Full PDB file with SEQRES, HELIX, SHEET, SSBOND, CRYST1, ORIGX, SCALE, CONECT and MASTER records, all heavy atoms in Angstrom:
SEQRES   1 A   40  LEU ARG LEU SER CYS LYS ALA SER GLY ILE SER PHE SER          
SEQRES   2 A   40  SER TYR ALA MET GLY TRP TYR ARG GLN ALA PRO GLY LYS          
SEQRES   3 A   40  GLN ARG GLU LEU VAL ALA ALA ILE THR SER GLY GLY ARG          
SEQRES   4 A   40  THR                                                          
HELIX    1 AA1 PHE A   12  SER A   14  5                                   3    
SHEET    1 AA1 2 MET A  17  ARG A  21  0                                        
SHEET    2 AA1 2 GLU A  29  ILE A  34 -1                                        
CRYST1    1.000    1.000    1.000  90.00  90.00  90.00 P 1           1          
ORIGX1      1.000000  0.000000  0.000000        0.00000                         
ORIGX2      0.000000  1.000000  0.000000        0.00000                         
ORIGX3      0.000000  0.000000  1.000000        0.00000                         
SCALE1      1.000000  0.000000  0.000000        0.00000                         
SCALE2      0.000000  1.000000  0.000000        0.00000                         
SCALE3      0.000000  0.000000  1.000000        0.00000                         
ATOM      1  N   LEU A   1      53.237  -6.043  52.941  1.00  0.00           N  
ATOM      2  CA  LEU A   1      53.251  -7.455  53.313  1.00  0.00           C  
ATOM      3  C   LEU A   1      53.380  -8.281  52.041  1.00  0.00           C  
ATOM      4  O   LEU A   1      52.917  -7.839  50.962  1.00  0.00           O  
ATOM      5  CB  LEU A   1      51.989  -7.869  54.037  1.00  0.00           C  
ATOM      6  CG  LEU A   1      51.778  -7.480  55.513  1.00  0.00           C  
ATOM      7  CD1 LEU A   1      50.393  -7.889  55.944  1.00  0.00           C  
ATOM      8  CD2 LEU A   1      52.835  -8.127  56.389  1.00  0.00           C  
ATOM      9  N   ARG A   2      53.946  -9.464  52.152  1.00  0.00           N  
ATOM     10  CA  ARG A   2      53.940 -10.405  51.030  1.00  0.00           C  
ATOM     11  C   ARG A   2      53.296 -11.698  51.488  1.00  0.00           C  
ATOM     12  O   ARG A   2      53.799 -12.351  52.412  1.00  0.00           O  
ATOM     13  CB  ARG A   2      55.341 -10.670  50.509  1.00  0.00           C  
ATOM     14  CG  ARG A   2      55.305 -11.493  49.209  1.00  0.00           C  
ATOM     15  CD  ARG A   2      56.648 -11.703  48.567  1.00  0.00           C  
ATOM     16  NE  ARG A   2      57.385 -12.822  49.135  1.00  0.00           N  
ATOM     17  CZ  ARG A   2      58.276 -13.554  48.469  1.00  0.00           C  
ATOM     18  NH1 ARG A   2      58.540 -13.284  47.215  1.00  0.00           N  
ATOM     19  NH2 ARG A   2      58.921 -14.510  49.072  1.00  0.00           N  
ATOM     20  N   LEU A   3      52.219 -12.039  50.821  1.00  0.00           N  
ATOM     21  CA  LEU A   3      51.547 -13.309  51.096  1.00  0.00           C  
ATOM     22  C   LEU A   3      52.084 -14.378  50.163  1.00  0.00           C  
ATOM     23  O   LEU A   3      52.437 -14.115  49.010  1.00  0.00           O  
ATOM     24  CB  LEU A   3      50.047 -13.174  50.892  1.00  0.00           C  
ATOM     25  CG  LEU A   3      49.313 -12.075  51.655  1.00  0.00           C  
ATOM     26  CD1 LEU A   3      47.831 -12.136  51.376  1.00  0.00           C  
ATOM     27  CD2 LEU A   3      49.618 -12.133  53.140  1.00  0.00           C  
ATOM     28  N   SER A   4      52.152 -15.589  50.700  1.00  0.00           N  
ATOM     29  CA  SER A   4      52.552 -16.740  49.889  1.00  0.00           C  
ATOM     30  C   SER A   4      51.487 -17.833  50.005  1.00  0.00           C  
ATOM     31  O   SER A   4      50.797 -17.967  51.020  1.00  0.00           O  
ATOM     32  CB  SER A   4      53.875 -17.308  50.404  1.00  0.00           C  
ATOM     33  OG  SER A   4      54.897 -16.384  50.335  1.00  0.00           O  
ATOM     34  N   CYS A   5      51.331 -18.592  48.963  1.00  0.00           N  
ATOM     35  CA  CYS A   5      50.428 -19.719  48.953  1.00  0.00           C  
ATOM     36  C   CYS A   5      51.134 -20.886  48.277  1.00  0.00           C  
ATOM     37  O   CYS A   5      51.410 -20.831  47.078  1.00  0.00           O  
ATOM     38  CB  CYS A   5      49.147 -19.386  48.216  1.00  0.00           C  
ATOM     39  SG  CYS A   5      48.058 -20.806  47.942  1.00  0.00           S  
ATOM     40  N   LYS A   6      51.422 -21.917  49.045  1.00  0.00           N  
ATOM     41  CA  LYS A   6      52.105 -23.084  48.510  1.00  0.00           C  
ATOM     42  C   LYS A   6      51.095 -24.182  48.264  1.00  0.00           C  
ATOM     43  O   LYS A   6      50.318 -24.559  49.171  1.00  0.00           O  
ATOM     44  CB  LYS A   6      53.188 -23.580  49.457  1.00  0.00           C  
ATOM     45  CG  LYS A   6      54.012 -24.732  48.885  1.00  0.00           C  
ATOM     46  CD  LYS A   6      55.236 -25.026  49.676  1.00  0.00           C  
ATOM     47  CE  LYS A   6      56.005 -26.203  49.128  1.00  0.00           C  
ATOM     48  NZ  LYS A   6      56.462 -25.947  47.744  1.00  0.00           N  
ATOM     49  N   ALA A   7      51.098 -24.706  47.064  1.00  0.00           N  
ATOM     50  CA  ALA A   7      50.152 -25.734  46.670  1.00  0.00           C  
ATOM     51  C   ALA A   7      50.812 -27.108  46.608  1.00  0.00           C  
ATOM     52  O   ALA A   7      51.980 -27.233  46.284  1.00  0.00           O  
ATOM     53  CB  ALA A   7      49.564 -25.407  45.282  1.00  0.00           C  
ATOM     54  N   SER A   8      50.040 -28.124  46.950  1.00  0.00           N  
ATOM     55  CA  SER A   8      50.480 -29.502  46.779  1.00  0.00           C  
ATOM     56  C   SER A   8      49.295 -30.345  46.341  1.00  0.00           C  
ATOM     57  O   SER A   8      48.133 -30.003  46.615  1.00  0.00           O  
ATOM     58  CB  SER A   8      51.061 -30.031  48.100  1.00  0.00           C  
ATOM     59  OG  SER A   8      50.132 -29.973  49.139  1.00  0.00           O  
ATOM     60  N   GLY A   9      49.593 -31.428  45.653  1.00  0.00           N  
ATOM     61  CA  GLY A   9      48.536 -32.326  45.204  1.00  0.00           C  
ATOM     62  C   GLY A   9      47.861 -31.958  43.898  1.00  0.00           C  
ATOM     63  O   GLY A   9      46.891 -32.589  43.532  1.00  0.00           O  
ATOM     64  N   ILE A  10      48.361 -30.884  43.248  1.00  0.00           N  
ATOM     65  CA  ILE A  10      47.817 -30.493  41.936  1.00  0.00           C  
ATOM     66  C   ILE A  10      48.953 -30.232  40.971  1.00  0.00           C  
ATOM     67  O   ILE A  10      50.092 -30.034  41.405  1.00  0.00           O  
ATOM     68  CB  ILE A  10      46.928 -29.199  42.043  1.00  0.00           C  
ATOM     69  CG1 ILE A  10      47.770 -28.024  42.559  1.00  0.00           C  
ATOM     70  CG2 ILE A  10      45.684 -29.446  42.867  1.00  0.00           C  
ATOM     71  CD1 ILE A  10      47.011 -26.679  42.517  1.00  0.00           C  
ATOM     72  N   SER A  11      48.600 -30.248  39.698  1.00  0.00           N  
ATOM     73  CA  SER A  11      49.580 -29.881  38.675  1.00  0.00           C  
ATOM     74  C   SER A  11      49.599 -28.359  38.614  1.00  0.00           C  
ATOM     75  O   SER A  11      48.894 -27.737  37.794  1.00  0.00           O  
ATOM     76  CB  SER A  11      49.161 -30.472  37.331  1.00  0.00           C  
ATOM     77  OG  SER A  11      50.065 -30.095  36.318  1.00  0.00           O  
ATOM     78  N   PHE A  12      50.383 -27.781  39.489  1.00  0.00           N  
ATOM     79  CA  PHE A  12      50.311 -26.347  39.759  1.00  0.00           C  
ATOM     80  C   PHE A  12      50.416 -25.491  38.495  1.00  0.00           C  
ATOM     81  O   PHE A  12      49.662 -24.537  38.339  1.00  0.00           O  
ATOM     82  CB  PHE A  12      51.428 -25.968  40.748  1.00  0.00           C  
ATOM     83  CG  PHE A  12      51.456 -24.519  41.113  1.00  0.00           C  
ATOM     84  CD1 PHE A  12      50.596 -24.008  42.071  1.00  0.00           C  
ATOM     85  CD2 PHE A  12      52.348 -23.633  40.492  1.00  0.00           C  
ATOM     86  CE1 PHE A  12      50.615 -22.670  42.427  1.00  0.00           C  
ATOM     87  CE2 PHE A  12      52.402 -22.287  40.823  1.00  0.00           C  
ATOM     88  CZ  PHE A  12      51.513 -21.809  41.803  1.00  0.00           C  
ATOM     89  N   SER A  13      51.321 -25.797  37.623  1.00  0.00           N  
ATOM     90  CA  SER A  13      51.570 -24.955  36.464  1.00  0.00           C  
ATOM     91  C   SER A  13      50.353 -24.880  35.548  1.00  0.00           C  
ATOM     92  O   SER A  13      50.248 -23.945  34.723  1.00  0.00           O  
ATOM     93  CB  SER A  13      52.789 -25.414  35.703  1.00  0.00           C  
ATOM     94  OG  SER A  13      52.597 -26.735  35.221  1.00  0.00           O  
ATOM     95  N   SER A  14      49.443 -25.817  35.643  1.00  0.00           N  
ATOM     96  CA  SER A  14      48.240 -25.832  34.784  1.00  0.00           C  
ATOM     97  C   SER A  14      47.103 -24.986  35.333  1.00  0.00           C  
ATOM     98  O   SER A  14      46.128 -24.734  34.614  1.00  0.00           O  
ATOM     99  CB  SER A  14      47.762 -27.264  34.587  1.00  0.00           C  
ATOM    100  OG  SER A  14      48.722 -28.054  33.940  1.00  0.00           O  
ATOM    101  N   TYR A  15      47.213 -24.575  36.561  1.00  0.00           N  
ATOM    102  CA  TYR A  15      46.127 -23.894  37.242  1.00  0.00           C  
ATOM    103  C   TYR A  15      46.275 -22.395  37.189  1.00  0.00           C  
ATOM    104  O   TYR A  15      47.373 -21.837  37.344  1.00  0.00           O  
ATOM    105  CB  TYR A  15      46.038 -24.312  38.720  1.00  0.00           C  
ATOM    106  CG  TYR A  15      45.332 -25.618  38.934  1.00  0.00           C  
ATOM    107  CD1 TYR A  15      45.944 -26.836  38.577  1.00  0.00           C  
ATOM    108  CD2 TYR A  15      44.052 -25.641  39.485  1.00  0.00           C  
ATOM    109  CE1 TYR A  15      45.275 -28.008  38.778  1.00  0.00           C  
ATOM    110  CE2 TYR A  15      43.399 -26.832  39.685  1.00  0.00           C  
ATOM    111  CZ  TYR A  15      44.010 -28.016  39.325  1.00  0.00           C  
ATOM    112  OH  TYR A  15      43.350 -29.223  39.498  1.00  0.00           O  
ATOM    113  N   ALA A  16      45.133 -21.711  36.970  1.00  0.00           N  
ATOM    114  CA  ALA A  16      45.073 -20.280  37.241  1.00  0.00           C  
ATOM    115  C   ALA A  16      45.013 -20.115  38.766  1.00  0.00           C  
ATOM    116  O   ALA A  16      44.343 -20.907  39.449  1.00  0.00           O  
ATOM    117  CB  ALA A  16      43.838 -19.663  36.619  1.00  0.00           C  
ATOM    118  N   MET A  17      45.720 -19.115  39.260  1.00  0.00           N  
ATOM    119  CA  MET A  17      45.782 -18.891  40.703  1.00  0.00           C  
ATOM    120  C   MET A  17      45.240 -17.512  41.024  1.00  0.00           C  
ATOM    121  O   MET A  17      45.453 -16.544  40.274  1.00  0.00           O  
ATOM    122  CB  MET A  17      47.230 -19.006  41.216  1.00  0.00           C  
ATOM    123  CG  MET A  17      47.873 -20.341  40.947  1.00  0.00           C  
ATOM    124  SD  MET A  17      47.022 -21.715  41.769  1.00  0.00           S  
ATOM    125  CE  MET A  17      47.208 -21.277  43.500  1.00  0.00           C  
ATOM    126  N   GLY A  18      44.549 -17.429  42.126  1.00  0.00           N  
ATOM    127  CA  GLY A  18      43.970 -16.128  42.519  1.00  0.00           C  
ATOM    128  C   GLY A  18      44.071 -15.902  44.001  1.00  0.00           C  
ATOM    129  O   GLY A  18      44.185 -16.829  44.807  1.00  0.00           O  
ATOM    130  N   TRP A  19      44.057 -14.623  44.326  1.00  0.00           N  
ATOM    131  CA  TRP A  19      43.914 -14.201  45.726  1.00  0.00           C  
ATOM    132  C   TRP A  19      42.552 -13.485  45.862  1.00  0.00           C  
ATOM    133  O   TRP A  19      42.250 -12.596  45.072  1.00  0.00           O  
ATOM    134  CB  TRP A  19      45.039 -13.233  46.108  1.00  0.00           C  
ATOM    135  CG  TRP A  19      46.382 -13.907  46.301  1.00  0.00           C  
ATOM    136  CD1 TRP A  19      47.378 -13.999  45.393  1.00  0.00           C  
ATOM    137  CD2 TRP A  19      46.805 -14.583  47.492  1.00  0.00           C  
ATOM    138  NE1 TRP A  19      48.443 -14.712  45.947  1.00  0.00           N  
ATOM    139  CE2 TRP A  19      48.100 -15.050  47.246  1.00  0.00           C  
ATOM    140  CE3 TRP A  19      46.224 -14.829  48.746  1.00  0.00           C  
ATOM    141  CZ2 TRP A  19      48.831 -15.781  48.162  1.00  0.00           C  
ATOM    142  CZ3 TRP A  19      46.954 -15.525  49.679  1.00  0.00           C  
ATOM    143  CH2 TRP A  19      48.252 -15.998  49.391  1.00  0.00           C  
ATOM    144  N   TYR A  20      41.824 -13.911  46.870  1.00  0.00           N  
ATOM    145  CA  TYR A  20      40.545 -13.301  47.206  1.00  0.00           C  
ATOM    146  C   TYR A  20      40.642 -12.790  48.634  1.00  0.00           C  
ATOM    147  O   TYR A  20      41.518 -13.206  49.403  1.00  0.00           O  
ATOM    148  CB  TYR A  20      39.414 -14.337  47.106  1.00  0.00           C  
ATOM    149  CG  TYR A  20      39.088 -14.778  45.701  1.00  0.00           C  
ATOM    150  CD1 TYR A  20      39.961 -15.611  44.984  1.00  0.00           C  
ATOM    151  CD2 TYR A  20      37.896 -14.379  45.101  1.00  0.00           C  
ATOM    152  CE1 TYR A  20      39.630 -16.007  43.705  1.00  0.00           C  
ATOM    153  CE2 TYR A  20      37.577 -14.776  43.812  1.00  0.00           C  
ATOM    154  CZ  TYR A  20      38.436 -15.593  43.122  1.00  0.00           C  
ATOM    155  OH  TYR A  20      38.156 -16.002  41.862  1.00  0.00           O  
ATOM    156  N   ARG A  21      39.707 -11.925  48.993  1.00  0.00           N  
ATOM    157  CA  ARG A  21      39.656 -11.460  50.369  1.00  0.00           C  
ATOM    158  C   ARG A  21      38.210 -11.304  50.821  1.00  0.00           C  
ATOM    159  O   ARG A  21      37.316 -11.073  50.010  1.00  0.00           O  
ATOM    160  CB  ARG A  21      40.434 -10.154  50.560  1.00  0.00           C  
ATOM    161  CG  ARG A  21      39.820  -8.949  49.880  1.00  0.00           C  
ATOM    162  CD  ARG A  21      40.759  -7.752  50.006  1.00  0.00           C  
ATOM    163  NE  ARG A  21      40.228  -6.572  49.343  1.00  0.00           N  
ATOM    164  CZ  ARG A  21      40.903  -5.443  49.190  1.00  0.00           C  
ATOM    165  NH1 ARG A  21      42.172  -5.335  49.626  1.00  0.00           N  
ATOM    166  NH2 ARG A  21      40.360  -4.408  48.614  1.00  0.00           N  
ATOM    167  N   GLN A  22      38.036 -11.417  52.112  1.00  0.00           N  
ATOM    168  CA  GLN A  22      36.713 -11.240  52.707  1.00  0.00           C  
ATOM    169  C   GLN A  22      36.843 -10.462  53.991  1.00  0.00           C  
ATOM    170  O   GLN A  22      37.489 -10.911  54.929  1.00  0.00           O  
ATOM    171  CB  GLN A  22      36.032 -12.594  52.941  1.00  0.00           C  
ATOM    172  CG  GLN A  22      34.593 -12.483  53.378  1.00  0.00           C  
ATOM    173  CD  GLN A  22      33.831 -13.787  53.296  1.00  0.00           C  
ATOM    174  OE1 GLN A  22      34.426 -14.865  53.270  1.00  0.00           O  
ATOM    175  NE2 GLN A  22      32.506 -13.706  53.259  1.00  0.00           N  
ATOM    176  N   ALA A  23      36.235  -9.298  54.011  1.00  0.00           N  
ATOM    177  CA  ALA A  23      36.207  -8.461  55.189  1.00  0.00           C  
ATOM    178  C   ALA A  23      34.939  -8.796  55.987  1.00  0.00           C  
ATOM    179  O   ALA A  23      33.956  -9.302  55.418  1.00  0.00           O  
ATOM    180  CB  ALA A  23      36.225  -6.990  54.807  1.00  0.00           C  
ATOM    181  N   PRO A  24      34.930  -8.480  57.280  1.00  0.00           N  
ATOM    182  CA  PRO A  24      33.743  -8.784  58.085  1.00  0.00           C  
ATOM    183  C   PRO A  24      32.482  -8.127  57.515  1.00  0.00           C  
ATOM    184  O   PRO A  24      32.481  -6.953  57.186  1.00  0.00           O  
ATOM    185  CB  PRO A  24      34.111  -8.152  59.441  1.00  0.00           C  
ATOM    186  CG  PRO A  24      35.604  -8.185  59.473  1.00  0.00           C  
ATOM    187  CD  PRO A  24      36.043  -7.938  58.066  1.00  0.00           C  
ATOM    188  N   GLY A  25      31.448  -8.938  57.368  1.00  0.00           N  
ATOM    189  CA  GLY A  25      30.181  -8.433  56.878  1.00  0.00           C  
ATOM    190  C   GLY A  25      30.103  -8.206  55.385  1.00  0.00           C  
ATOM    191  O   GLY A  25      29.118  -7.679  54.882  1.00  0.00           O  
ATOM    192  N   LYS A  26      31.185  -8.577  54.664  1.00  0.00           N  
ATOM    193  CA  LYS A  26      31.198  -8.367  53.224  1.00  0.00           C  
ATOM    194  C   LYS A  26      31.376  -9.677  52.476  1.00  0.00           C  
ATOM    195  O   LYS A  26      31.804 -10.679  53.061  1.00  0.00           O  
ATOM    196  CB  LYS A  26      32.322  -7.390  52.861  1.00  0.00           C  
ATOM    197  CG  LYS A  26      32.133  -5.990  53.391  1.00  0.00           C  
ATOM    198  CD  LYS A  26      33.173  -5.049  52.816  1.00  0.00           C  
ATOM    199  CE  LYS A  26      32.930  -3.609  53.284  1.00  0.00           C  
ATOM    200  NZ  LYS A  26      33.919  -2.667  52.710  1.00  0.00           N  
ATOM    201  N   GLN A  27      31.048  -9.661  51.196  1.00  0.00           N  
ATOM    202  CA  GLN A  27      31.250 -10.849  50.374  1.00  0.00           C  
ATOM    203  C   GLN A  27      32.705 -11.008  50.009  1.00  0.00           C  
ATOM    204  O   GLN A  27      33.488 -10.046  49.969  1.00  0.00           O  
ATOM    205  CB  GLN A  27      30.401 -10.719  49.103  1.00  0.00           C  
ATOM    206  CG  GLN A  27      28.909 -10.871  49.329  1.00  0.00           C  
ATOM    207  CD  GLN A  27      28.142 -10.974  48.022  1.00  0.00           C  
ATOM    208  OE1 GLN A  27      28.535 -10.424  47.022  1.00  0.00           O  
ATOM    209  NE2 GLN A  27      27.048 -11.727  48.025  1.00  0.00           N  
ATOM    210  N   ARG A  28      33.065 -12.249  49.729  1.00  0.00           N  
ATOM    211  CA  ARG A  28      34.423 -12.524  49.255  1.00  0.00           C  
ATOM    212  C   ARG A  28      34.590 -11.898  47.887  1.00  0.00           C  
ATOM    213  O   ARG A  28      33.695 -12.008  47.015  1.00  0.00           O  
ATOM    214  CB  ARG A  28      34.662 -14.031  49.188  1.00  0.00           C  
ATOM    215  CG  ARG A  28      36.116 -14.417  48.947  1.00  0.00           C  
ATOM    216  CD  ARG A  28      36.302 -15.918  49.067  1.00  0.00           C  
ATOM    217  NE  ARG A  28      36.007 -16.405  50.419  1.00  0.00           N  
ATOM    218  CZ  ARG A  28      36.273 -17.639  50.813  1.00  0.00           C  
ATOM    219  NH1 ARG A  28      36.854 -18.512  49.999  1.00  0.00           N  
ATOM    220  NH2 ARG A  28      35.966 -18.027  52.055  1.00  0.00           N  
ATOM    221  N   GLU A  29      35.732 -11.259  47.647  1.00  0.00           N  
ATOM    222  CA  GLU A  29      35.981 -10.586  46.380  1.00  0.00           C  
ATOM    223  C   GLU A  29      37.352 -10.961  45.831  1.00  0.00           C  
ATOM    224  O   GLU A  29      38.290 -11.232  46.597  1.00  0.00           O  
ATOM    225  CB  GLU A  29      35.895  -9.064  46.548  1.00  0.00           C  
ATOM    226  CG  GLU A  29      36.943  -8.469  47.461  1.00  0.00           C  
ATOM    227  CD  GLU A  29      36.932  -6.961  47.531  1.00  0.00           C  
ATOM    228  OE1 GLU A  29      36.138  -6.326  46.796  1.00  0.00           O  
ATOM    229  OE2 GLU A  29      37.722  -6.373  48.273  1.00  0.00           O  
ATOM    230  N   LEU A  30      37.429 -10.942  44.497  1.00  0.00           N  
ATOM    231  CA  LEU A  30      38.711 -11.181  43.829  1.00  0.00           C  
ATOM    232  C   LEU A  30      39.635 -10.000  44.035  1.00  0.00           C  
ATOM    233  O   LEU A  30      39.242  -8.862  43.785  1.00  0.00           O  
ATOM    234  CB  LEU A  30      38.485 -11.449  42.358  1.00  0.00           C  
ATOM    235  CG  LEU A  30      39.760 -11.616  41.520  1.00  0.00           C  
ATOM    236  CD1 LEU A  30      40.488 -12.899  41.895  1.00  0.00           C  
ATOM    237  CD2 LEU A  30      39.411 -11.601  40.035  1.00  0.00           C  
ATOM    238  N   VAL A  31      40.854 -10.274  44.425  1.00  0.00           N  
ATOM    239  CA  VAL A  31      41.871  -9.232  44.567  1.00  0.00           C  
ATOM    240  C   VAL A  31      42.792  -9.208  43.350  1.00  0.00           C  
ATOM    241  O   VAL A  31      43.025  -8.184  42.723  1.00  0.00           O  
ATOM    242  CB  VAL A  31      42.709  -9.451  45.834  1.00  0.00           C  
ATOM    243  CG1 VAL A  31      43.841  -8.434  45.917  1.00  0.00           C  
ATOM    244  CG2 VAL A  31      41.816  -9.395  47.070  1.00  0.00           C  
ATOM    245  N   ALA A  32      43.309 -10.394  43.007  1.00  0.00           N  
ATOM    246  CA  ALA A  32      44.239 -10.502  41.885  1.00  0.00           C  
ATOM    247  C   ALA A  32      44.273 -11.946  41.402  1.00  0.00           C  
ATOM    248  O   ALA A  32      44.032 -12.868  42.198  1.00  0.00           O  
ATOM    249  CB  ALA A  32      45.644 -10.072  42.299  1.00  0.00           C  
ATOM    250  N   ALA A  33      44.564 -12.112  40.130  1.00  0.00           N  
ATOM    251  CA  ALA A  33      44.641 -13.455  39.558  1.00  0.00           C  
ATOM    252  C   ALA A  33      45.749 -13.520  38.538  1.00  0.00           C  
ATOM    253  O   ALA A  33      46.113 -12.503  37.945  1.00  0.00           O  
ATOM    254  CB  ALA A  33      43.301 -13.860  38.939  1.00  0.00           C  
ATOM    255  N   ILE A  34      46.275 -14.732  38.351  1.00  0.00           N  
ATOM    256  CA  ILE A  34      47.306 -14.949  37.346  1.00  0.00           C  
ATOM    257  C   ILE A  34      46.989 -16.283  36.639  1.00  0.00           C  
ATOM    258  O   ILE A  34      46.730 -17.283  37.261  1.00  0.00           O  
ATOM    259  CB  ILE A  34      48.698 -14.957  38.009  1.00  0.00           C  
ATOM    260  CG1 ILE A  34      49.799 -15.058  36.946  1.00  0.00           C  
ATOM    261  CG2 ILE A  34      48.843 -16.020  39.100  1.00  0.00           C  
ATOM    262  CD1 ILE A  34      51.194 -14.729  37.476  1.00  0.00           C  
ATOM    263  N   THR A  35      47.046 -16.227  35.312  1.00  0.00           N  
ATOM    264  CA  THR A  35      46.733 -17.434  34.540  1.00  0.00           C  
ATOM    265  C   THR A  35      47.921 -18.368  34.517  1.00  0.00           C  
ATOM    266  O   THR A  35      49.026 -18.015  34.962  1.00  0.00           O  
ATOM    267  CB  THR A  35      46.357 -17.085  33.115  1.00  0.00           C  
ATOM    268  OG1 THR A  35      47.507 -16.577  32.440  1.00  0.00           O  
ATOM    269  CG2 THR A  35      45.233 -16.071  33.054  1.00  0.00           C  
ATOM    270  N   SER A  36      47.730 -19.555  33.985  1.00  0.00           N  
ATOM    271  CA  SER A  36      48.845 -20.492  33.844  1.00  0.00           C  
ATOM    272  C   SER A  36      49.926 -19.922  32.936  1.00  0.00           C  
ATOM    273  O   SER A  36      51.100 -20.250  33.083  1.00  0.00           O  
ATOM    274  CB  SER A  36      48.337 -21.842  33.307  1.00  0.00           C  
ATOM    275  OG  SER A  36      47.708 -21.659  32.056  1.00  0.00           O  
ATOM    276  N   GLY A  37      49.532 -19.039  32.032  1.00  0.00           N  
ATOM    277  CA  GLY A  37      50.490 -18.415  31.124  1.00  0.00           C  
ATOM    278  C   GLY A  37      51.108 -17.143  31.649  1.00  0.00           C  
ATOM    279  O   GLY A  37      51.970 -16.552  30.982  1.00  0.00           O  
ATOM    280  N   GLY A  38      50.678 -16.734  32.839  1.00  0.00           N  
ATOM    281  CA  GLY A  38      51.304 -15.567  33.464  1.00  0.00           C  
ATOM    282  C   GLY A  38      50.556 -14.252  33.295  1.00  0.00           C  
ATOM    283  O   GLY A  38      51.031 -13.212  33.758  1.00  0.00           O  
ATOM    284  N   ARG A  39      49.399 -14.263  32.651  1.00  0.00           N  
ATOM    285  CA  ARG A  39      48.629 -13.036  32.524  1.00  0.00           C  
ATOM    286  C   ARG A  39      47.983 -12.709  33.860  1.00  0.00           C  
ATOM    287  O   ARG A  39      47.498 -13.602  34.543  1.00  0.00           O  
ATOM    288  CB  ARG A  39      47.579 -13.136  31.440  1.00  0.00           C  
ATOM    289  CG  ARG A  39      48.144 -13.105  30.033  1.00  0.00           C  
ATOM    290  CD  ARG A  39      47.038 -13.237  29.005  1.00  0.00           C  
ATOM    291  NE  ARG A  39      46.370 -14.511  29.119  1.00  0.00           N  
ATOM    292  CZ  ARG A  39      45.269 -14.829  28.455  1.00  0.00           C  
ATOM    293  NH1 ARG A  39      44.702 -13.958  27.643  1.00  0.00           N  
ATOM    294  NH2 ARG A  39      44.712 -16.022  28.596  1.00  0.00           N  
ATOM    295  N   THR A  40      47.942 -11.414  34.191  1.00  0.00           N  
ATOM    296  CA  THR A  40      47.424 -10.991  35.479  1.00  0.00           C  
ATOM    297  C   THR A  40      46.260 -10.058  35.323  1.00  0.00           C  
ATOM    298  O   THR A  40      46.105  -9.366  34.314  1.00  0.00           O  
ATOM    299  CB  THR A  40      48.530 -10.299  36.299  1.00  0.00           C  
ATOM    300  OG1 THR A  40      48.993  -9.142  35.589  1.00  0.00           O  
ATOM    301  CG2 THR A  40      49.695 -11.239  36.574  1.00  0.00           C  
TER     302      THR A  40                                                      
MASTER        0    0    0    1    2    0    0    6  301    1    0    4          
END                                                                             
């Protein structure tokens, strides 16, 4: 699957972006992140 997240109302290129997930009964956890400079 490919997930997409479209942002509006922010200076997108300045923001670090991340994907988190939360399964039933579990805490939300970081899956992946990318900095404004492209580091992952």
